[in-house]
Amino acid sequence: MEPYKCAFSNTLITKQFGCEKGEQVTRRGGPDIACASEEAHLRCEKLYQQMKAAALPAFGVEDDLLSMPHSVLVKIQLGGLLGLQRLLSSGAADSAEVRNIHALVDQAIGQYGNLDAIPCPALVEDMTSYKLKRRG
């Protein structure tokens, strides 16, 4: 099986978030997360790209890996998923974790009909206001 790099790998490496499709692997650069399902990988990658397109203007950066701070990408992943969880629970979710990213994406597709209908601009405040934990 060709391992698919998880679009939300930064969230899973922190162990704050979980995913039934995520599998820890070791790559040349160290630990990473691979997706066990091509279909799930494609859905998550598309959602992440939509979140990123909505959030980058608010961060004031362009989609350029050489100039964009890594922290922006991490905030988009962590804040975006927490914001999606909040949106799906009608604002009632006050959790700092997502137990199953795959199930969350399934729930979002069920509520909105498809990935393109997920209102990623409504997640921008969650992404920009997400506070990264300081290294100890």
C-alpha atoms as a PDB file:
ATOM      1  CA  MET A   1       0.000   0.000   0.000  1.00  0.00           C
ATOM      2  CA  GLU A   2       1.237   3.483  -0.893  1.00  0.00           C
ATOM      3  CA  PRO A   3       1.014   5.575   2.295  1.00  0.00           C
ATOM      4  CA  TYR A   4      -0.910   8.820   1.817  1.00  0.00           C
ATOM      5  CA  LYS A   5       0.400  11.726   3.895  1.00  0.00           C
ATOM      6  CA  CYS A   6      -2.346  12.887   6.227  1.00  0.00           C
ATOM      7  CA  ALA A   7      -3.566  16.413   5.451  1.00  0.00           C
ATOM      8  CA  PHE A   8      -4.031  17.010   9.191  1.00  0.00           C
ATOM      9  CA  SER A   9      -0.850  15.268  10.362  1.00  0.00           C
ATOM     10  CA  ASN A  10       0.200  18.111  12.685  1.00  0.00           C
ATOM     11  CA  THR A  11      -2.959  17.579  14.736  1.00  0.00           C
ATOM     12  CA  LEU A  12      -2.360  13.843  15.090  1.00  0.00           C
ATOM     13  CA  ILE A  13       1.329  14.090  15.955  1.00  0.00           C
ATOM     14  CA  THR A  14       0.405  16.238  18.986  1.00  0.00           C
ATOM     15  CA  LYS A  15      -1.887  13.392  20.133  1.00  0.00           C
ATOM     16  CA  GLN A  16      -4.573  16.016  20.936  1.00  0.00           C
ATOM     17  CA  PHE A  17      -6.565  14.754  17.962  1.00  0.00           C
ATOM     18  CA  GLY A  18      -7.321  11.274  16.690  1.00  0.00           C
ATOM     19  CA  CYS A  19      -8.415   9.612  13.489  1.00  0.00           C
ATOM     20  CA  GLU A  20      -9.502   6.070  12.762  1.00  0.00           C
ATOM     21  CA  LYS A  21      -7.685   6.223   9.404  1.00  0.00           C
ATOM     22  CA  GLY A  22      -4.400   7.680  10.710  1.00  0.00           C
ATOM     23  CA  GLU A  23      -1.368   5.447  11.111  1.00  0.00           C
ATOM     24  CA  GLN A  24       1.936   6.570  12.570  1.00  0.00           C
ATOM     25  CA  VAL A  25       4.870   6.036  10.200  1.00  0.00           C
ATOM     26  CA  THR A  26       8.527   6.954  10.214  1.00  0.00           C
ATOM     27  CA  ARG A  27       9.792   9.017   7.335  1.00  0.00           C
ATOM     28  CA  ARG A  28      13.216  10.436   6.629  1.00  0.00           C
ATOM     29  CA  GLY A  29      12.343  13.589   8.611  1.00  0.00           C
ATOM     30  CA  GLY A  30      10.995  11.695  11.619  1.00  0.00           C
ATOM     31  CA  PRO A  31       7.558  10.586  12.759  1.00  0.00           C
ATOM     32  CA  ASP A  32       4.615  11.322  10.492  1.00  0.00           C
ATOM     33  CA  ILE A  33       1.024  10.241   9.952  1.00  0.00           C
ATOM     34  CA  ALA A  34      -0.210   8.326   6.910  1.00  0.00           C
ATOM     35  CA  CYS A  35      -3.827   7.783   5.917  1.00  0.00           C
ATOM     36  CA  ALA A  36      -4.949   4.185   5.486  1.00  0.00           C
ATOM     37  CA  SER A  37      -7.622   5.140   2.946  1.00  0.00           C
ATOM     38  CA  GLU A  38      -7.162   6.860  -0.405  1.00  0.00           C
ATOM     39  CA  GLU A  39     -10.778   8.097  -0.345  1.00  0.00           C
ATOM     40  CA  ALA A  40     -10.424   9.559   3.162  1.00  0.00           C
ATOM     41  CA  HIS A  41      -7.095  11.116   2.204  1.00  0.00           C
ATOM     42  CA  LEU A  42      -8.623  12.857  -0.827  1.00  0.00           C
ATOM     43  CA  ARG A  43     -11.545  14.194   1.213  1.00  0.00           C
ATOM     44  CA  CYS A  44      -9.341  15.521   4.012  1.00  0.00           C
ATOM     45  CA  GLU A  45      -6.863  17.045   1.550  1.00  0.00           C
ATOM     46  CA  LYS A  46      -9.691  18.859  -0.241  1.00  0.00           C
ATOM     47  CA  LEU A  47     -11.137  20.136   3.051  1.00  0.00           C
ATOM     48  CA  TYR A  48      -7.702  21.305   4.200  1.00  0.00           C
ATOM     49  CA  GLN A  49      -7.120  23.162   0.919  1.00  0.00           C
ATOM     50  CA  GLN A  50     -10.519  24.862   1.299  1.00  0.00           C
ATOM     51  CA  MET A  51      -9.691  25.858   4.896  1.00  0.00           C
ATOM     52  CA  LYS A  52      -6.308  27.159   3.800  1.00  0.00           C
ATOM     53  CA  ALA A  53      -7.798  29.202   0.932  1.00  0.00           C
ATOM     54  CA  ALA A  54     -10.273  30.794   3.355  1.00  0.00           C
ATOM     55  CA  ALA A  55      -7.700  31.504   6.077  1.00  0.00           C
ATOM     56  CA  LEU A  56      -4.544  32.697   4.295  1.00  0.00           C
ATOM     57  CA  PRO A  57      -5.880  36.192   3.497  1.00  0.00           C
ATOM     58  CA  ALA A  58      -6.796  36.654   7.184  1.00  0.00           C
ATOM     59  CA  PHE A  59      -3.245  35.674   8.184  1.00  0.00           C
ATOM     60  CA  GLY A  60      -1.854  38.056   5.566  1.00  0.00           C
ATOM     61  CA  VAL A  61       0.332  35.431   3.903  1.00  0.00           C
ATOM     62  CA  GLU A  62       0.475  33.812   0.493  1.00  0.00           C
ATOM     63  CA  ASP A  63       0.413  30.082  -0.213  1.00  0.00           C
ATOM     64  CA  ASP A  64       4.195  29.813  -0.516  1.00  0.00           C
ATOM     65  CA  LEU A  65       6.004  27.196   1.575  1.00  0.00           C
ATOM     66  CA  LEU A  66       9.237  29.190   1.460  1.00  0.00           C
ATOM     67  CA  SER A  67       7.789  32.343   3.022  1.00  0.00           C
ATOM     68  CA  MET A  68       4.771  31.124   5.002  1.00  0.00           C
ATOM     69  CA  PRO A  69       5.441  30.396   8.690  1.00  0.00           C
ATOM     70  CA  HIS A  70       4.831  26.757   9.630  1.00  0.00           C
ATOM     71  CA  SER A  71       2.770  27.995  12.582  1.00  0.00           C
ATOM     72  CA  VAL A  72       0.144  29.345  10.152  1.00  0.00           C
ATOM     73  CA  LEU A  73      -0.356  25.880   8.646  1.00  0.00           C
ATOM     74  CA  VAL A  74      -0.637  24.345  12.115  1.00  0.00           C
ATOM     75  CA  LYS A  75      -3.211  26.958  13.178  1.00  0.00           C
ATOM     76  CA  ILE A  76      -5.221  26.250  10.039  1.00  0.00           C
ATOM     77  CA  GLN A  77      -5.240  22.512  10.797  1.00  0.00           C
ATOM     78  CA  LEU A  78      -5.937  22.699  14.536  1.00  0.00           C
ATOM     79  CA  GLY A  79      -8.202  25.746  14.580  1.00  0.00           C
ATOM     80  CA  GLY A  80     -10.011  24.691  11.417  1.00  0.00           C
ATOM     81  CA  LEU A  81     -10.969  21.268  12.749  1.00  0.00           C
ATOM     82  CA  LEU A  82     -11.995  22.674  16.135  1.00  0.00           C
ATOM     83  CA  GLY A  83     -14.053  25.320  14.335  1.00  0.00           C
ATOM     84  CA  LEU A  84     -15.718  22.679  12.182  1.00  0.00           C
ATOM     85  CA  GLN A  85     -16.542  20.683  15.305  1.00  0.00           C
ATOM     86  CA  ARG A  86     -18.001  23.856  16.890  1.00  0.00           C
ATOM     87  CA  LEU A  87     -20.048  24.578  13.763  1.00  0.00           C
ATOM     88  CA  LEU A  88     -21.475  21.057  13.637  1.00  0.00           C
ATOM     89  CA  SER A  89     -22.450  21.153  17.307  1.00  0.00           C
ATOM     90  CA  SER A  90     -24.164  24.556  16.898  1.00  0.00           C
ATOM     91  CA  GLY A  91     -21.493  26.283  18.966  1.00  0.00           C
ATOM     92  CA  ALA A  92     -21.835  23.910  21.922  1.00  0.00           C
ATOM     93  CA  ALA A  93     -18.436  22.222  21.508  1.00  0.00           C
ATOM     94  CA  ASP A  94     -15.865  23.746  23.826  1.00  0.00           C
ATOM     95  CA  SER A  95     -13.276  21.031  23.452  1.00  0.00           C
ATOM     96  CA  ALA A  96      -9.591  21.403  22.648  1.00  0.00           C
ATOM     97  CA  GLU A  97      -9.526  18.073  20.839  1.00  0.00           C
ATOM     98  CA  VAL A  98     -11.156  16.150  18.042  1.00  0.00           C
ATOM     99  CA  ARG A  99     -11.393  12.436  18.770  1.00  0.00           C
ATOM    100  CA  ASN A 100     -11.919  11.228  15.212  1.00  0.00           C
ATOM    101  CA  ILE A 101     -11.159  13.501  12.257  1.00  0.00           C
ATOM    102  CA  HIS A 102     -12.592  10.991   9.761  1.00  0.00           C
ATOM    103  CA  ALA A 103     -15.924  10.900  11.610  1.00  0.00           C
ATOM    104  CA  LEU A 104     -15.955  14.712  11.838  1.00  0.00           C
ATOM    105  CA  VAL A 105     -15.497  15.029   8.064  1.00  0.00           C
ATOM    106  CA  ASP A 106     -18.233  12.412   7.532  1.00  0.00           C
ATOM    107  CA  GLN A 107     -20.542  14.397   9.814  1.00  0.00           C
ATOM    108  CA  ALA A 108     -19.776  17.636   7.941  1.00  0.00           C
ATOM    109  CA  ILE A 109     -20.514  16.013   4.577  1.00  0.00           C
ATOM    110  CA  GLY A 110     -23.732  14.608   6.021  1.00  0.00           C
ATOM    111  CA  GLN A 111     -24.842  18.022   7.262  1.00  0.00           C
ATOM    112  CA  TYR A 112     -23.761  20.142   4.279  1.00  0.00           C
ATOM    113  CA  GLY A 113     -24.204  17.588   1.472  1.00  0.00           C
ATOM    114  CA  ASN A 114     -20.645  17.731   0.104  1.00  0.00           C
ATOM    115  CA  LEU A 115     -17.202  19.163   0.822  1.00  0.00           C
ATOM    116  CA  ASP A 116     -17.721  22.228  -1.373  1.00  0.00           C
ATOM    117  CA  ALA A 117     -20.715  23.295   0.721  1.00  0.00           C
ATOM    118  CA  ILE A 118     -18.796  23.351   4.030  1.00  0.00           C
ATOM    119  CA  PRO A 119     -18.631  27.042   5.028  1.00  0.00           C
ATOM    120  CA  CYS A 120     -14.864  27.347   5.554  1.00  0.00           C
ATOM    121  CA  PRO A 121     -15.017  31.174   5.807  1.00  0.00           C
ATOM    122  CA  ALA A 122     -17.028  30.619   9.017  1.00  0.00           C
ATOM    123  CA  LEU A 123     -13.965  28.834  10.448  1.00  0.00           C
ATOM    124  CA  VAL A 124     -11.477  31.675   9.858  1.00  0.00           C
ATOM    125  CA  GLU A 125     -11.896  33.194  13.320  1.00  0.00           C
ATOM    126  CA  ASP A 126     -11.259  29.771  14.893  1.00  0.00           C
ATOM    127  CA  MET A 127      -8.077  29.402  12.835  1.00  0.00           C
ATOM    128  CA  THR A 128      -6.691  32.895  13.440  1.00  0.00           C
ATOM    129  CA  SER A 129      -7.476  32.885  17.155  1.00  0.00           C
ATOM    130  CA  TYR A 130      -6.077  29.399  17.849  1.00  0.00           C
ATOM    131  CA  LYS A 131      -3.250  29.640  20.384  1.00  0.00           C
ATOM    132  CA  LEU A 132      -0.338  27.282  19.800  1.00  0.00           C
ATOM    133  CA  LYS A 133       1.164  25.629  22.851  1.00  0.00           C
ATOM    134  CA  ARG A 134       4.665  26.771  23.698  1.00  0.00           C
ATOM    135  CA  ARG A 135       7.436  24.211  23.716  1.00  0.00           C
ATOM    136  CA  GLY A 136       8.476  23.271  27.210  1.00  0.00           C
END
